[in-house]
Amino acid sequence: MQLKEGYLDHVLDEVGALASRVALLNARFAKLKVSVKLEHYRELEDIRNRFAEFKRRVEELADADDREAVRMQEVAEATWKDLIHSVDTLLAVLP
């Protein structure tokens, strides 16, 4: 149980770090021409979907019993890594 709660606390810190990346992403998007925004619309939508999936995985982890918690934590962590990769990839290609 403590392991699960520790991980959930860690998730809050990670989401805070993600918020700063997303703020940077939003600032860059605000400066782009519409044509460039449309070019990257799918990537942005992918990030939104991955975040929604991560949120769902964390909620499942919070509700999981101790037996399921380890597996749910692994799934949440994999989803997190995909989300971060998507954000970083989009940040790298935006001017």
N, C-alpha and C. Protein backbone atom coordinates (compact mmCIF):
# COMPACT_ATOMS: atom_id res chain seq x y z
N MET A 1 0.82 -1.19 0.00
CA MET A 1 0.00 0.00 0.00
C MET A 1 0.86 1.25 0.00
N GLN A 2 1.94 1.26 0.79
CA GLN A 2 2.82 2.43 0.83
C GLN A 2 3.51 2.64 -0.51
N LEU A 3 3.86 1.54 -1.17
CA LEU A 3 4.50 1.62 -2.47
C LEU A 3 3.56 2.32 -3.46
N LYS A 4 2.30 1.94 -3.44
CA LYS A 4 1.32 2.55 -4.34
C LYS A 4 1.16 4.03 -4.03
N GLU A 5 1.03 4.38 -2.78
CA GLU A 5 0.86 5.78 -2.40
C GLU A 5 2.10 6.60 -2.74
N GLY A 6 3.27 6.01 -2.56
CA GLY A 6 4.52 6.69 -2.93
C GLY A 6 4.57 6.95 -4.42
N TYR A 7 4.14 5.97 -5.20
CA TYR A 7 4.13 6.15 -6.64
C TYR A 7 3.14 7.23 -7.04
N LEU A 8 1.98 7.24 -6.43
CA LEU A 8 0.98 8.27 -6.75
C LEU A 8 1.49 9.66 -6.41
N ASP A 9 2.22 9.79 -5.31
CA ASP A 9 2.84 11.09 -4.99
C ASP A 9 3.87 11.46 -6.06
N HIS A 10 4.63 10.49 -6.50
CA HIS A 10 5.63 10.70 -7.55
C HIS A 10 4.94 11.16 -8.85
N VAL A 11 3.81 10.59 -9.15
CA VAL A 11 3.05 10.96 -10.35
C VAL A 11 2.68 12.43 -10.30
N LEU A 12 2.28 12.92 -9.14
CA LEU A 12 1.93 14.34 -9.03
C LEU A 12 3.12 15.23 -9.37
N ASP A 13 4.30 14.86 -8.93
CA ASP A 13 5.50 15.62 -9.27
C ASP A 13 5.78 15.57 -10.77
N GLU A 14 5.63 14.40 -11.36
CA GLU A 14 5.87 14.25 -12.80
C GLU A 14 4.88 15.06 -13.61
N VAL A 15 3.64 15.07 -13.20
CA VAL A 15 2.62 15.84 -13.92
C VAL A 15 2.94 17.33 -13.83
N GLY A 16 3.47 17.77 -12.70
CA GLY A 16 3.90 19.17 -12.58
C GLY A 16 4.98 19.50 -13.59
N ALA A 17 5.94 18.59 -13.76
CA ALA A 17 7.00 18.80 -14.75
C ALA A 17 6.44 18.78 -16.17
N LEU A 18 5.48 17.92 -16.40
CA LEU A 18 4.84 17.86 -17.71
C LEU A 18 4.11 19.17 -18.00
N ALA A 19 3.51 19.75 -16.98
CA ALA A 19 2.77 21.00 -17.17
C ALA A 19 3.67 22.09 -17.72
N SER A 20 4.91 22.13 -17.28
CA SER A 20 5.83 23.16 -17.80
C SER A 20 6.18 22.89 -19.26
N ARG A 21 6.31 21.63 -19.63
CA ARG A 21 6.56 21.29 -21.04
C ARG A 21 5.36 21.65 -21.90
N VAL A 22 4.18 21.38 -21.39
CA VAL A 22 2.96 21.69 -22.14
C VAL A 22 2.79 23.20 -22.27
N ALA A 23 3.15 23.96 -21.25
CA ALA A 23 3.10 25.42 -21.33
C ALA A 23 4.04 25.92 -22.43
N LEU A 24 5.21 25.33 -22.52
CA LEU A 24 6.15 25.68 -23.58
C LEU A 24 5.58 25.32 -24.94
N LEU A 25 4.98 24.15 -25.03
CA LEU A 25 4.35 23.71 -26.26
C LEU A 25 3.24 24.67 -26.68
N ASN A 26 2.41 25.08 -25.73
CA ASN A 26 1.33 26.02 -26.03
C ASN A 26 1.88 27.37 -26.48
N ALA A 27 2.95 27.83 -25.85
CA ALA A 27 3.55 29.11 -26.24
C ALA A 27 4.09 29.03 -27.66
N ARG A 28 4.72 27.93 -28.00
CA ARG A 28 5.23 27.78 -29.36
C ARG A 28 4.10 27.69 -30.36
N PHE A 29 3.06 26.95 -30.02
CA PHE A 29 1.92 26.82 -30.93
C PHE A 29 1.25 28.16 -31.16
N ALA A 30 1.18 28.98 -30.15
CA ALA A 30 0.52 30.29 -30.28
C ALA A 30 1.22 31.17 -31.31
N LYS A 31 2.52 30.98 -31.49
CA LYS A 31 3.29 31.80 -32.41
C LYS A 31 3.28 31.28 -33.85
N LEU A 32 2.76 30.08 -34.06
CA LEU A 32 2.81 29.45 -35.37
C LEU A 32 1.71 29.94 -36.30
N LYS A 33 2.00 29.87 -37.58
CA LYS A 33 0.98 30.15 -38.59
C LYS A 33 -0.02 29.00 -38.58
N VAL A 34 -1.20 29.29 -39.04
CA VAL A 34 -2.27 28.28 -39.05
C VAL A 34 -1.86 27.05 -39.85
N SER A 35 -1.20 27.24 -40.95
CA SER A 35 -0.81 26.10 -41.78
C SER A 35 0.14 25.17 -41.03
N VAL A 36 1.03 25.73 -40.24
CA VAL A 36 1.96 24.90 -39.46
C VAL A 36 1.21 24.21 -38.32
N LYS A 37 0.27 24.91 -37.71
CA LYS A 37 -0.53 24.30 -36.65
C LYS A 37 -1.29 23.10 -37.19
N LEU A 38 -1.86 23.26 -38.38
CA LEU A 38 -2.60 22.15 -38.98
C LEU A 38 -1.69 20.97 -39.30
N GLU A 39 -0.45 21.27 -39.67
CA GLU A 39 0.52 20.24 -39.96
C GLU A 39 0.77 19.33 -38.75
N HIS A 40 0.70 19.92 -37.56
CA HIS A 40 1.03 19.19 -36.34
C HIS A 40 -0.21 18.87 -35.49
N TYR A 41 -1.37 19.03 -36.07
CA TYR A 41 -2.60 18.78 -35.32
C TYR A 41 -2.68 17.34 -34.82
N ARG A 42 -2.29 16.39 -35.65
CA ARG A 42 -2.37 14.97 -35.24
C ARG A 42 -1.47 14.67 -34.05
N GLU A 43 -0.27 15.24 -34.06
CA GLU A 43 0.64 15.02 -32.94
C GLU A 43 0.07 15.59 -31.65
N LEU A 44 -0.52 16.77 -31.75
CA LEU A 44 -1.13 17.39 -30.58
C LEU A 44 -2.31 16.57 -30.08
N GLU A 45 -3.10 16.07 -30.98
CA GLU A 45 -4.23 15.22 -30.61
C GLU A 45 -3.74 13.93 -29.97
N ASP A 46 -2.64 13.39 -30.48
CA ASP A 46 -2.04 12.19 -29.91
C ASP A 46 -1.61 12.44 -28.46
N ILE A 47 -1.04 13.60 -28.21
CA ILE A 47 -0.63 13.96 -26.84
C ILE A 47 -1.84 14.03 -25.93
N ARG A 48 -2.89 14.65 -26.39
CA ARG A 48 -4.12 14.72 -25.58
C ARG A 48 -4.65 13.33 -25.25
N ASN A 49 -4.66 12.46 -26.25
CA ASN A 49 -5.15 11.09 -26.04
C ASN A 49 -4.26 10.31 -25.09
N ARG A 50 -2.96 10.47 -25.22
CA ARG A 50 -2.03 9.77 -24.33
C ARG A 50 -2.17 10.26 -22.89
N PHE A 51 -2.38 11.57 -22.73
CA PHE A 51 -2.57 12.09 -21.37
C PHE A 51 -3.86 11.54 -20.76
N ALA A 52 -4.92 11.49 -21.55
CA ALA A 52 -6.19 10.94 -21.05
C ALA A 52 -6.00 9.47 -20.65
N GLU A 53 -5.24 8.72 -21.45
CA GLU A 53 -4.98 7.33 -21.12
C GLU A 53 -4.15 7.22 -19.84
N PHE A 54 -3.14 8.08 -19.70
CA PHE A 54 -2.33 8.07 -18.49
C PHE A 54 -3.18 8.38 -17.26
N LYS A 55 -4.03 9.37 -17.38
CA LYS A 55 -4.91 9.73 -16.27
C LYS A 55 -5.79 8.54 -15.88
N ARG A 56 -6.32 7.86 -16.88
CA ARG A 56 -7.17 6.69 -16.61
C ARG A 56 -6.37 5.59 -15.93
N ARG A 57 -5.13 5.38 -16.37
CA ARG A 57 -4.28 4.35 -15.77
C ARG A 57 -3.96 4.67 -14.30
N VAL A 58 -3.71 5.94 -14.01
CA VAL A 58 -3.42 6.35 -12.63
C VAL A 58 -4.66 6.16 -11.76
N GLU A 59 -5.82 6.49 -12.29
CA GLU A 59 -7.06 6.28 -11.54
C GLU A 59 -7.28 4.80 -11.26
N GLU A 60 -6.99 3.95 -12.25
CA GLU A 60 -7.10 2.51 -12.04
C GLU A 60 -6.12 2.04 -10.97
N LEU A 61 -4.92 2.59 -10.99
CA LEU A 61 -3.92 2.24 -9.98
C LEU A 61 -4.39 2.65 -8.60
N ALA A 62 -4.95 3.83 -8.50
CA ALA A 62 -5.42 4.32 -7.20
C ALA A 62 -6.51 3.41 -6.63
N ASP A 63 -7.31 2.82 -7.51
CA ASP A 63 -8.40 1.95 -7.08
C ASP A 63 -7.99 0.48 -6.95
N ALA A 64 -6.78 0.16 -7.40
CA ALA A 64 -6.34 -1.24 -7.42
C ALA A 64 -6.00 -1.74 -6.02
N ASP A 65 -6.23 -3.04 -5.82
CA ASP A 65 -5.79 -3.64 -4.56
C ASP A 65 -4.28 -3.90 -4.65
N ASP A 66 -3.69 -4.28 -3.54
CA ASP A 66 -2.24 -4.47 -3.48
C ASP A 66 -1.75 -5.48 -4.50
N ARG A 67 -2.53 -6.49 -4.76
CA ARG A 67 -2.14 -7.55 -5.69
C ARG A 67 -2.04 -7.01 -7.11
N GLU A 68 -2.93 -6.13 -7.50
CA GLU A 68 -2.94 -5.56 -8.85
C GLU A 68 -2.04 -4.34 -8.98
N ALA A 69 -1.68 -3.73 -7.89
CA ALA A 69 -1.00 -2.43 -7.91
C ALA A 69 0.32 -2.45 -8.67
N VAL A 70 1.11 -3.49 -8.51
CA VAL A 70 2.40 -3.54 -9.19
C VAL A 70 2.21 -3.57 -10.70
N ARG A 71 1.31 -4.40 -11.17
CA ARG A 71 1.06 -4.48 -12.61
C ARG A 71 0.49 -3.17 -13.13
N MET A 72 -0.42 -2.56 -12.40
CA MET A 72 -1.02 -1.31 -12.82
C MET A 72 0.01 -0.18 -12.84
N GLN A 73 0.95 -0.23 -11.91
CA GLN A 73 2.02 0.77 -11.87
C GLN A 73 2.90 0.64 -13.12
N GLU A 74 3.21 -0.57 -13.50
CA GLU A 74 4.01 -0.79 -14.70
C GLU A 74 3.31 -0.28 -15.95
N VAL A 75 2.01 -0.52 -16.03
CA VAL A 75 1.23 -0.04 -17.17
C VAL A 75 1.19 1.49 -17.19
N ALA A 76 0.98 2.09 -16.03
CA ALA A 76 0.95 3.55 -15.93
C ALA A 76 2.30 4.13 -16.32
N GLU A 77 3.37 3.51 -15.90
CA GLU A 77 4.72 4.01 -16.20
C GLU A 77 5.00 3.92 -17.70
N ALA A 78 4.60 2.85 -18.35
CA ALA A 78 4.79 2.71 -19.79
C ALA A 78 3.99 3.77 -20.54
N THR A 79 2.78 4.01 -20.09
CA THR A 79 1.94 5.04 -20.70
C THR A 79 2.56 6.41 -20.52
N TRP A 80 3.13 6.66 -19.33
CA TRP A 80 3.80 7.93 -19.05
C TRP A 80 4.98 8.14 -20.01
N LYS A 81 5.78 7.11 -20.20
CA LYS A 81 6.94 7.23 -21.08
C LYS A 81 6.52 7.56 -22.51
N ASP A 82 5.44 6.94 -22.97
CA ASP A 82 4.92 7.26 -24.31
C ASP A 82 4.46 8.71 -24.39
N LEU A 83 3.81 9.18 -23.35
CA LEU A 83 3.33 10.56 -23.31
C LEU A 83 4.49 11.54 -23.36
N ILE A 84 5.48 11.34 -22.52
CA ILE A 84 6.65 12.23 -22.48
C ILE A 84 7.37 12.22 -23.82
N HIS A 85 7.52 11.05 -24.41
CA HIS A 85 8.17 10.95 -25.72
C HIS A 85 7.40 11.74 -26.76
N SER A 86 6.09 11.66 -26.75
CA SER A 86 5.27 12.40 -27.71
C SER A 86 5.43 13.91 -27.54
N VAL A 87 5.42 14.38 -26.29
CA VAL A 87 5.59 15.81 -26.01
C VAL A 87 6.97 16.27 -26.46
N ASP A 88 8.00 15.54 -26.09
CA ASP A 88 9.36 15.93 -26.43
C ASP A 88 9.59 15.90 -27.95
N THR A 89 9.00 14.93 -28.62
CA THR A 89 9.13 14.84 -30.07
C THR A 89 8.49 16.06 -30.75
N LEU A 90 7.31 16.43 -30.30
CA LEU A 90 6.65 17.59 -30.88
C LEU A 90 7.40 18.87 -30.57
N LEU A 91 7.89 19.00 -29.35
CA LEU A 91 8.70 20.18 -29.02
C LEU A 91 9.94 20.29 -29.90
N ALA A 92 10.52 19.15 -30.24
CA ALA A 92 11.75 19.15 -31.04
C ALA A 92 11.51 19.60 -32.48
N VAL A 93 10.33 19.36 -33.00
CA VAL A 93 10.08 19.70 -34.42
C VAL A 93 9.46 21.09 -34.59
N LEU A 94 8.94 21.66 -33.52
CA LEU A 94 8.33 22.99 -33.65
C LEU A 94 9.42 24.06 -33.67
N PRO A 95 9.19 25.08 -34.48
CA PRO A 95 10.17 26.17 -34.52
C PRO A 95 10.17 26.98 -33.23
